[in-house]
PDB file of all heavy atoms in Angstrom:
ATOM      1  N   ILE A   1      -3.331   9.833   4.805  1.00  0.00           N
ATOM      2  CA  ILE A   1      -4.236   8.698   4.660  1.00  0.00           C
ATOM      3  C   ILE A   1      -3.528   7.393   5.016  1.00  0.00           C
ATOM      4  O   ILE A   1      -2.327   7.238   4.769  1.00  0.00           O
ATOM      5  CB  ILE A   1      -4.835   8.604   3.239  1.00  0.00           C
ATOM      6  CG1 ILE A   1      -3.731   8.425   2.182  1.00  0.00           C
ATOM      7  CG2 ILE A   1      -5.689   9.825   2.935  1.00  0.00           C
ATOM      8  CD1 ILE A   1      -4.285   8.122   0.805  1.00  0.00           C
ATOM      9  N   LEU A   2      -4.276   6.499   5.626  1.00  0.00           N
ATOM     10  CA  LEU A   2      -3.790   5.176   6.003  1.00  0.00           C
ATOM     11  C   LEU A   2      -4.876   4.179   5.640  1.00  0.00           C
ATOM     12  O   LEU A   2      -6.056   4.409   5.941  1.00  0.00           O
ATOM     13  CB  LEU A   2      -3.469   5.137   7.491  1.00  0.00           C
ATOM     14  CG  LEU A   2      -2.842   3.865   8.068  1.00  0.00           C
ATOM     15  CD1 LEU A   2      -2.003   4.206   9.295  1.00  0.00           C
ATOM     16  CD2 LEU A   2      -3.906   2.841   8.459  1.00  0.00           C
ATOM     17  N   PHE A   3      -4.499   3.092   4.970  1.00  0.00           N
ATOM     18  CA  PHE A   3      -5.512   2.120   4.554  1.00  0.00           C
ATOM     19  C   PHE A   3      -4.896   0.732   4.398  1.00  0.00           C
ATOM     20  O   PHE A   3      -3.667   0.588   4.276  1.00  0.00           O
ATOM     21  CB  PHE A   3      -6.152   2.558   3.227  1.00  0.00           C
ATOM     22  CG  PHE A   3      -5.170   2.798   2.118  1.00  0.00           C
ATOM     23  CD1 PHE A   3      -4.827   1.799   1.218  1.00  0.00           C
ATOM     24  CD2 PHE A   3      -4.576   4.046   1.967  1.00  0.00           C
ATOM     25  CE1 PHE A   3      -3.922   2.013   0.195  1.00  0.00           C
ATOM     26  CE2 PHE A   3      -3.664   4.276   0.941  1.00  0.00           C
ATOM     27  CZ  PHE A   3      -3.324   3.265   0.054  1.00  0.00           C
ATOM     28  N   ASN A   4      -5.739  -0.280   4.414  1.00  0.00           N
ATOM     29  CA  ASN A   4      -5.330  -1.655   4.161  1.00  0.00           C
ATOM     30  C   ASN A   4      -5.582  -1.985   2.699  1.00  0.00           C
ATOM     31  O   ASN A   4      -6.585  -1.537   2.110  1.00  0.00           O
ATOM     32  CB  ASN A   4      -6.087  -2.621   5.061  1.00  0.00           C
ATOM     33  CG  ASN A   4      -5.730  -2.408   6.530  1.00  0.00           C
ATOM     34  OD1 ASN A   4      -4.640  -1.931   6.847  1.00  0.00           O
ATOM     35  ND2 ASN A   4      -6.653  -2.766   7.409  1.00  0.00           N
ATOM     36  N   LEU A   5      -4.679  -2.786   2.118  1.00  0.00           N
ATOM     37  CA  LEU A   5      -4.729  -3.014   0.683  1.00  0.00           C
ATOM     38  C   LEU A   5      -4.250  -4.430   0.342  1.00  0.00           C
ATOM     39  O   LEU A   5      -3.254  -4.896   0.916  1.00  0.00           O
ATOM     40  CB  LEU A   5      -3.814  -2.000  -0.021  1.00  0.00           C
ATOM     41  CG  LEU A   5      -3.766  -2.036  -1.550  1.00  0.00           C
ATOM     42  CD1 LEU A   5      -5.023  -1.389  -2.124  1.00  0.00           C
ATOM     43  CD2 LEU A   5      -2.518  -1.302  -2.047  1.00  0.00           C
ATOM     44  N   PRO A   6      -4.910  -5.111  -0.588  1.00  0.00           N
ATOM     45  CA  PRO A   6      -4.369  -6.383  -1.065  1.00  0.00           C
ATOM     46  C   PRO A   6      -2.958  -6.169  -1.618  1.00  0.00           C
ATOM     47  O   PRO A   6      -2.716  -5.222  -2.368  1.00  0.00           O
ATOM     48  CB  PRO A   6      -5.355  -6.789  -2.175  1.00  0.00           C
ATOM     49  CG  PRO A   6      -6.633  -6.098  -1.812  1.00  0.00           C
ATOM     50  CD  PRO A   6      -6.215  -4.792  -1.198  1.00  0.00           C
ATOM     51  N   ALA A   7      -2.028  -7.036  -1.247  1.00  0.00           N
ATOM     52  CA  ALA A   7      -0.625  -6.835  -1.597  1.00  0.00           C
ATOM     53  C   ALA A   7      -0.402  -6.698  -3.096  1.00  0.00           C
ATOM     54  O   ALA A   7       0.444  -5.902  -3.539  1.00  0.00           O
ATOM     55  CB  ALA A   7       0.212  -7.989  -1.036  1.00  0.00           C
ATOM     56  N   GLU A   8      -1.172  -7.436  -3.903  1.00  0.00           N
ATOM     57  CA  GLU A   8      -0.941  -7.384  -5.348  1.00  0.00           C
ATOM     58  C   GLU A   8      -1.388  -6.070  -5.976  1.00  0.00           C
ATOM     59  O   GLU A   8      -1.110  -5.799  -7.149  1.00  0.00           O
ATOM     60  CB  GLU A   8      -1.646  -8.560  -6.049  1.00  0.00           C
ATOM     61  CG  GLU A   8      -3.160  -8.468  -6.093  1.00  0.00           C
ATOM     62  CD  GLU A   8      -3.824  -9.084  -4.864  1.00  0.00           C
ATOM     63  OE1 GLU A   8      -3.098  -9.364  -3.871  1.00  0.00           O
ATOM     64  OE2 GLU A   8      -5.052  -9.304  -4.898  1.00  0.00           O
ATOM     65  N   LYS A   9      -2.061  -5.216  -5.196  1.00  0.00           N
ATOM     66  CA  LYS A   9      -2.551  -3.935  -5.721  1.00  0.00           C
ATOM     67  C   LYS A   9      -1.631  -2.761  -5.363  1.00  0.00           C
ATOM     68  O   LYS A   9      -1.968  -1.607  -5.618  1.00  0.00           O
ATOM     69  CB  LYS A   9      -3.957  -3.653  -5.169  1.00  0.00           C
ATOM     70  CG  LYS A   9      -5.005  -4.691  -5.565  1.00  0.00           C
ATOM     71  CD  LYS A   9      -5.314  -4.626  -7.046  1.00  0.00           C
ATOM     72  CE  LYS A   9      -6.463  -5.550  -7.422  1.00  0.00           C
ATOM     73  NZ  LYS A   9      -6.796  -5.483  -8.852  1.00  0.00           N
ATOM     74  N   LEU A  10      -0.471  -3.058  -4.782  1.00  0.00           N
ATOM     75  CA  LEU A  10       0.391  -1.980  -4.289  1.00  0.00           C
ATOM     76  C   LEU A  10       0.857  -1.049  -5.406  1.00  0.00           C
ATOM     77  O   LEU A  10       0.841   0.177  -5.248  1.00  0.00           O
ATOM     78  CB  LEU A  10       1.604  -2.566  -3.555  1.00  0.00           C
ATOM     79  CG  LEU A  10       2.582  -1.540  -2.967  1.00  0.00           C
ATOM     80  CD1 LEU A  10       1.859  -0.626  -1.982  1.00  0.00           C
ATOM     81  CD2 LEU A  10       3.738  -2.255  -2.277  1.00  0.00           C
ATOM     82  N   ASP A  11       1.291  -1.586  -6.523  1.00  0.00           N
ATOM     83  CA  ASP A  11       1.765  -0.740  -7.622  1.00  0.00           C
ATOM     84  C   ASP A  11       0.647   0.169  -8.130  1.00  0.00           C
ATOM     85  O   ASP A  11       0.878   1.356  -8.417  1.00  0.00           O
ATOM     86  CB  ASP A  11       2.297  -1.592  -8.772  1.00  0.00           C
ATOM     87  CG  ASP A  11       3.640  -2.241  -8.438  1.00  0.00           C
ATOM     88  OD1 ASP A  11       4.286  -1.772  -7.479  1.00  0.00           O
ATOM     89  OD2 ASP A  11       4.024  -3.200  -9.130  1.00  0.00           O
ATOM     90  N   GLU A  12      -0.566  -0.345  -8.225  1.00  0.00           N
ATOM     91  CA  GLU A  12      -1.701   0.479  -8.652  1.00  0.00           C
ATOM     92  C   GLU A  12      -1.963   1.596  -7.655  1.00  0.00           C
ATOM     93  O   GLU A  12      -2.217   2.746  -8.030  1.00  0.00           O
ATOM     94  CB  GLU A  12      -2.953  -0.384  -8.804  1.00  0.00           C
ATOM     95  CG  GLU A  12      -2.947  -1.306  -9.997  1.00  0.00           C
ATOM     96  CD  GLU A  12      -4.259  -2.056 -10.125  1.00  0.00           C
ATOM     97  OE1 GLU A  12      -5.301  -1.396 -10.324  1.00  0.00           O
ATOM     98  OE2 GLU A  12      -4.247  -3.305 -10.005  1.00  0.00           O
ATOM     99  N   ALA A  13      -1.915   1.260  -6.364  1.00  0.00           N
ATOM    100  CA  ALA A  13      -2.159   2.264  -5.324  1.00  0.00           C
ATOM    101  C   ALA A  13      -1.104   3.369  -5.377  1.00  0.00           C
ATOM    102  O   ALA A  13      -1.417   4.560  -5.222  1.00  0.00           O
ATOM    103  CB  ALA A  13      -2.152   1.600  -3.948  1.00  0.00           C
ATOM    104  N   ALA A  14       0.151   2.995  -5.613  1.00  0.00           N
ATOM    105  CA  ALA A  14       1.227   3.984  -5.680  1.00  0.00           C
ATOM    106  C   ALA A  14       0.987   4.956  -6.831  1.00  0.00           C
ATOM    107  O   ALA A  14       1.223   6.162  -6.703  1.00  0.00           O
ATOM    108  CB  ALA A  14       2.576   3.285  -5.831  1.00  0.00           C
ATOM    109  N   ARG A  15       0.516   4.433  -7.975  1.00  0.00           N
ATOM    110  CA  ARG A  15       0.226   5.311  -9.115  1.00  0.00           C
ATOM    111  C   ARG A  15      -0.942   6.245  -8.802  1.00  0.00           C
ATOM    112  O   ARG A  15      -0.948   7.403  -9.200  1.00  0.00           O
ATOM    113  CB  ARG A  15      -0.077   4.468 -10.359  1.00  0.00           C
ATOM    114  CG  ARG A  15       1.162   3.832 -10.980  1.00  0.00           C
ATOM    115  CD  ARG A  15       0.855   3.299 -12.385  1.00  0.00           C
ATOM    116  NE  ARG A  15      -0.091   2.185 -12.342  1.00  0.00           N
ATOM    117  CZ  ARG A  15       0.258   0.914 -12.205  1.00  0.00           C
ATOM    118  NH1 ARG A  15       1.539   0.594 -12.096  1.00  0.00           N
ATOM    119  NH2 ARG A  15      -0.659  -0.037 -12.192  1.00  0.00           N
ATOM    120  N   ILE A  16      -1.943   5.728  -8.113  1.00  0.00           N
ATOM    121  CA  ILE A  16      -3.104   6.555  -7.753  1.00  0.00           C
ATOM    122  C   ILE A  16      -2.707   7.675  -6.809  1.00  0.00           C
ATOM    123  O   ILE A  16      -3.097   8.835  -6.988  1.00  0.00           O
ATOM    124  CB  ILE A  16      -4.199   5.675  -7.101  1.00  0.00           C
ATOM    125  CG1 ILE A  16      -4.798   4.733  -8.133  1.00  0.00           C
ATOM    126  CG2 ILE A  16      -5.280   6.548  -6.454  1.00  0.00           C
ATOM    127  CD1 ILE A  16      -5.686   3.653  -7.535  1.00  0.00           C
ATOM    128  N   ILE A  17      -1.921   7.341  -5.797  1.00  0.00           N
ATOM    129  CA  ILE A  17      -1.543   8.333  -4.784  1.00  0.00           C
ATOM    130  C   ILE A  17      -0.619   9.389  -5.377  1.00  0.00           C
ATOM    131  O   ILE A  17      -0.841  10.592  -5.238  1.00  0.00           O
ATOM    132  CB  ILE A  17      -0.868   7.641  -3.581  1.00  0.00           C
ATOM    133  CG1 ILE A  17      -1.870   6.735  -2.871  1.00  0.00           C
ATOM    134  CG2 ILE A  17      -0.324   8.687  -2.602  1.00  0.00           C
ATOM    135  CD1 ILE A  17      -1.243   5.802  -1.868  1.00  0.00           C
ATOM    136  N   GLY A  18       0.451   8.960  -6.068  1.00  0.00           N
ATOM    137  CA  GLY A  18       1.396   9.903  -6.669  1.00  0.00           C
ATOM    138  C   GLY A  18       1.965  10.847  -5.632  1.00  0.00           C
ATOM    139  O   GLY A  18       2.004  10.565  -4.435  1.00  0.00           O
ATOM    140  N   GLY A  19       2.416  12.024  -6.077  1.00  0.00           N
ATOM    141  CA  GLY A  19       2.856  13.089  -5.170  1.00  0.00           C
ATOM    142  C   GLY A  19       4.172  12.816  -4.482  1.00  0.00           C
ATOM    143  O   GLY A  19       5.241  12.963  -5.067  1.00  0.00           O
ATOM    144  N   MET A  20       4.124  12.361  -3.222  1.00  0.00           N
ATOM    145  CA  MET A  20       5.320  12.186  -2.424  1.00  0.00           C
ATOM    146  C   MET A  20       6.160  11.023  -2.962  1.00  0.00           C
ATOM    147  O   MET A  20       5.693  10.201  -3.745  1.00  0.00           O
ATOM    148  CB  MET A  20       4.953  11.972  -0.957  1.00  0.00           C
ATOM    149  CG  MET A  20       4.206  13.165  -0.357  1.00  0.00           C
ATOM    150  SD  MET A  20       4.074  13.094   1.427  1.00  0.00           S
ATOM    151  CE  MET A  20       5.739  13.530   1.907  1.00  0.00           C
ATOM    152  N   LYS A  21       7.428  10.948  -2.535  1.00  0.00           N
ATOM    153  CA  LYS A  21       8.386  10.021  -3.117  1.00  0.00           C
ATOM    154  C   LYS A  21       7.889   8.583  -3.126  1.00  0.00           C
ATOM    155  O   LYS A  21       7.952   7.889  -4.126  1.00  0.00           O
ATOM    156  CB  LYS A  21       9.714  10.113  -2.359  1.00  0.00           C
ATOM    157  CG  LYS A  21      10.431  11.446  -2.560  1.00  0.00           C
ATOM    158  CD  LYS A  21      11.739  11.484  -1.798  1.00  0.00           C
ATOM    159  CE  LYS A  21      12.452  12.816  -2.002  1.00  0.00           C
ATOM    160  NZ  LYS A  21      13.705  12.882  -1.230  1.00  0.00           N
ATOM    161  N   SER A  22       7.379   8.116  -1.992  1.00  0.00           N
ATOM    162  CA  SER A  22       6.928   6.730  -1.912  1.00  0.00           C
ATOM    163  C   SER A  22       6.047   6.565  -0.688  1.00  0.00           C
ATOM    164  O   SER A  22       6.337   7.129   0.369  1.00  0.00           O
ATOM    165  CB  SER A  22       8.138   5.791  -1.821  1.00  0.00           C
ATOM    166  OG  SER A  22       7.722   4.458  -1.668  1.00  0.00           O
ATOM    167  N   PRO A  23       4.954   5.798  -0.807  1.00  0.00           N
ATOM    168  CA  PRO A  23       4.132   5.545   0.383  1.00  0.00           C
ATOM    169  C   PRO A  23       4.882   4.643   1.367  1.00  0.00           C
ATOM    170  O   PRO A  23       5.797   3.910   0.996  1.00  0.00           O
ATOM    171  CB  PRO A  23       2.900   4.844  -0.193  1.00  0.00           C
ATOM    172  CG  PRO A  23       3.370   4.221  -1.463  1.00  0.00           C
ATOM    173  CD  PRO A  23       4.420   5.160  -2.010  1.00  0.00           C
ATOM    174  N   THR A  24       4.491   4.709   2.629  1.00  0.00           N
ATOM    175  CA  THR A  24       5.036   3.818   3.647  1.00  0.00           C
ATOM    176  C   THR A  24       4.203   2.546   3.664  1.00  0.00           C
ATOM    177  O   THR A  24       2.969   2.610   3.748  1.00  0.00           O
ATOM    178  CB  THR A  24       4.994   4.493   5.031  1.00  0.00           C
ATOM    179  OG1 THR A  24       5.785   5.682   4.989  1.00  0.00           O
ATOM    180  CG2 THR A  24       5.549   3.562   6.096  1.00  0.00           C
ATOM    181  N   VAL A  25       4.859   1.398   3.584  1.00  0.00           N
ATOM    182  CA  VAL A  25       4.154   0.115   3.483  1.00  0.00           C
ATOM    183  C   VAL A  25       4.562  -0.777   4.650  1.00  0.00           C
ATOM    184  O   VAL A  25       5.755  -0.965   4.916  1.00  0.00           O
ATOM    185  CB  VAL A  25       4.474  -0.580   2.148  1.00  0.00           C
ATOM    186  CG1 VAL A  25       3.748  -1.922   2.064  1.00  0.00           C
ATOM    187  CG2 VAL A  25       4.098   0.320   0.972  1.00  0.00           C
ATOM    188  N   THR A  26       3.574  -1.342   5.347  1.00  0.00           N
ATOM    189  CA  THR A  26       3.814  -2.232   6.487  1.00  0.00           C
ATOM    190  C   THR A  26       3.068  -3.548   6.273  1.00  0.00           C
ATOM    191  O   THR A  26       1.855  -3.530   6.022  1.00  0.00           O
ATOM    192  CB  THR A  26       3.326  -1.583   7.799  1.00  0.00           C
ATOM    193  OG1 THR A  26       3.930  -0.302   7.949  1.00  0.00           O
ATOM    194  CG2 THR A  26       3.678  -2.461   8.991  1.00  0.00           C
ATOM    195  N   PRO A  27       3.768  -4.697   6.360  1.00  0.00           N
ATOM    196  CA  PRO A  27       3.076  -5.986   6.218  1.00  0.00           C
ATOM    197  C   PRO A  27       2.096  -6.207   7.372  1.00  0.00           C
ATOM    198  O   PRO A  27       2.342  -5.776   8.508  1.00  0.00           O
ATOM    199  CB  PRO A  27       4.216  -7.006   6.269  1.00  0.00           C
ATOM    200  CG  PRO A  27       5.465  -6.233   5.995  1.00  0.00           C
ATOM    201  CD  PRO A  27       5.222  -4.855   6.521  1.00  0.00           C
ATOM    202  N   LEU A  28       0.988  -6.883   7.091  1.00  0.00           N
ATOM    203  CA  LEU A  28       0.025  -7.248   8.117  1.00  0.00           C
ATOM    204  C   LEU A  28       0.201  -8.732   8.471  1.00  0.00           C
ATOM    205  O   LEU A  28       0.941  -9.464   7.812  1.00  0.00           O
ATOM    206  CB  LEU A  28      -1.393  -6.985   7.619  1.00  0.00           C
ATOM    207  CG  LEU A  28      -1.735  -5.518   7.310  1.00  0.00           C
ATOM    208  CD1 LEU A  28      -3.177  -5.418   6.819  1.00  0.00           C
ATOM    209  CD2 LEU A  28      -1.520  -4.626   8.515  1.00  0.00           C
ATOM    210  N   MET A  29      -0.473  -9.165   9.524  1.00  0.00           N
ATOM    211  CA  MET A  29      -0.377 -10.568   9.917  1.00  0.00           C
ATOM    212  C   MET A  29      -0.815 -11.475   8.772  1.00  0.00           C
ATOM    213  O   MET A  29      -0.219 -12.525   8.514  1.00  0.00           O
ATOM    214  CB  MET A  29      -1.212 -10.817  11.172  1.00  0.00           C
ATOM    215  CG  MET A  29      -1.118 -12.239  11.704  1.00  0.00           C
ATOM    216  SD  MET A  29      -1.986 -12.438  13.279  1.00  0.00           S
ATOM    217  CE  MET A  29      -0.947 -11.419  14.355  1.00  0.00           C
ATOM    218  N   ASP A  30      -1.874 -11.055   8.069  1.00  0.00           N
ATOM    219  CA  ASP A  30      -2.288 -11.759   6.856  1.00  0.00           C
ATOM    220  C   ASP A  30      -1.358 -11.287   5.745  1.00  0.00           C
ATOM    221  O   ASP A  30      -1.444 -10.147   5.284  1.00  0.00           O
ATOM    222  CB  ASP A  30      -3.747 -11.406   6.535  1.00  0.00           C
ATOM    223  CG  ASP A  30      -4.262 -12.140   5.296  1.00  0.00           C
ATOM    224  OD1 ASP A  30      -3.442 -12.648   4.511  1.00  0.00           O
ATOM    225  OD2 ASP A  30      -5.496 -12.170   5.111  1.00  0.00           O
ATOM    226  N   LYS A  31      -0.451 -12.130   5.298  1.00  0.00           N
ATOM    227  CA  LYS A  31       0.604 -11.741   4.373  1.00  0.00           C
ATOM    228  C   LYS A  31       0.074 -11.275   3.015  1.00  0.00           C
ATOM    229  O   LYS A  31       0.817 -10.682   2.235  1.00  0.00           O
ATOM    230  CB  LYS A  31       1.580 -12.909   4.159  1.00  0.00           C
ATOM    231  CG  LYS A  31       2.268 -13.378   5.440  1.00  0.00           C
ATOM    232  CD  LYS A  31       3.038 -12.237   6.104  1.00  0.00           C
ATOM    233  CE  LYS A  31       3.772 -12.734   7.354  1.00  0.00           C
ATOM    234  NZ  LYS A  31       4.471 -11.643   8.059  1.00  0.00           N
ATOM    235  N   SER A  32      -1.184 -11.558   2.738  1.00  0.00           N
ATOM    236  CA  SER A  32      -1.744 -11.125   1.453  1.00  0.00           C
ATOM    237  C   SER A  32      -2.232  -9.677   1.500  1.00  0.00           C
ATOM    238  O   SER A  32      -2.696  -9.152   0.490  1.00  0.00           O
ATOM    239  CB  SER A  32      -2.896 -12.043   1.038  1.00  0.00           C
ATOM    240  OG  SER A  32      -3.973 -11.946   1.961  1.00  0.00           O
ATOM    241  N   TRP A  33      -2.111  -9.051   2.694  1.00  0.00           N
ATOM    242  CA  TRP A  33      -2.569  -7.656   2.853  1.00  0.00           C
ATOM    243  C   TRP A  33      -1.426  -6.788   3.372  1.00  0.00           C
ATOM    244  O   TRP A  33      -0.524  -7.259   4.064  1.00  0.00           O
ATOM    245  CB  TRP A  33      -3.753  -7.589   3.817  1.00  0.00           C
ATOM    246  CG  TRP A  33      -5.038  -8.035   3.197  1.00  0.00           C
ATOM    247  CD1 TRP A  33      -5.445  -9.309   2.968  1.00  0.00           C
ATOM    248  CD2 TRP A  33      -6.075  -7.179   2.711  1.00  0.00           C
ATOM    249  NE1 TRP A  33      -6.674  -9.331   2.362  1.00  0.00           N
ATOM    250  CE2 TRP A  33      -7.093  -8.032   2.190  1.00  0.00           C
ATOM    251  CE3 TRP A  33      -6.260  -5.802   2.647  1.00  0.00           C
ATOM    252  CZ2 TRP A  33      -8.262  -7.532   1.629  1.00  0.00           C
ATOM    253  CZ3 TRP A  33      -7.429  -5.301   2.091  1.00  0.00           C
ATOM    254  CH2 TRP A  33      -8.415  -6.162   1.587  1.00  0.00           C
ATOM    255  N   LEU A  34      -1.509  -5.489   3.038  1.00  0.00           N
ATOM    256  CA  LEU A  34      -0.529  -4.500   3.487  1.00  0.00           C
ATOM    257  C   LEU A  34      -1.258  -3.314   4.111  1.00  0.00           C
ATOM    258  O   LEU A  34      -2.405  -3.024   3.779  1.00  0.00           O
ATOM    259  CB  LEU A  34       0.304  -3.983   2.301  1.00  0.00           C
ATOM    260  CG  LEU A  34       1.094  -5.009   1.489  1.00  0.00           C
ATOM    261  CD1 LEU A  34       1.638  -4.350   0.228  1.00  0.00           C
ATOM    262  CD2 LEU A  34       2.224  -5.596   2.330  1.00  0.00           C
ATOM    263  N   SER A  35      -0.543  -2.618   5.006  1.00  0.00           N
ATOM    264  CA  SER A  35      -1.017  -1.333   5.509  1.00  0.00           C
ATOM    265  C   SER A  35      -0.207  -0.252   4.809  1.00  0.00           C
ATOM    266  O   SER A  35       1.032  -0.308   4.800  1.00  0.00           O
ATOM    267  CB  SER A  35      -0.824  -1.228   7.028  1.00  0.00           C
ATOM    268  OG  SER A  35      -1.162   0.071   7.478  1.00  0.00           O
ATOM    269  N   VAL A  36      -0.888   0.710   4.197  1.00  0.00           N
ATOM    270  CA  VAL A  36      -0.222   1.747   3.398  1.00  0.00           C
ATOM    271  C   VAL A  36      -0.515   3.118   3.990  1.00  0.00           C
ATOM    272  O   VAL A  36      -1.660   3.419   4.356  1.00  0.00           O
ATOM    273  CB  VAL A  36      -0.685   1.699   1.929  1.00  0.00           C
ATOM    274  CG1 VAL A  36       0.058   2.747   1.094  1.00  0.00           C
ATOM    275  CG2 VAL A  36      -0.468   0.307   1.348  1.00  0.00           C
TER     276      VAL A  36
END
């Protein structure tokens, strides 16, 4: 899965996903958003 996410929600998203060691996170041009 690949999705865009508000940066402040990253910790919540990581808890939801679980499983693998850590999601891959890439900053977007809009610094308030991330690609996960």
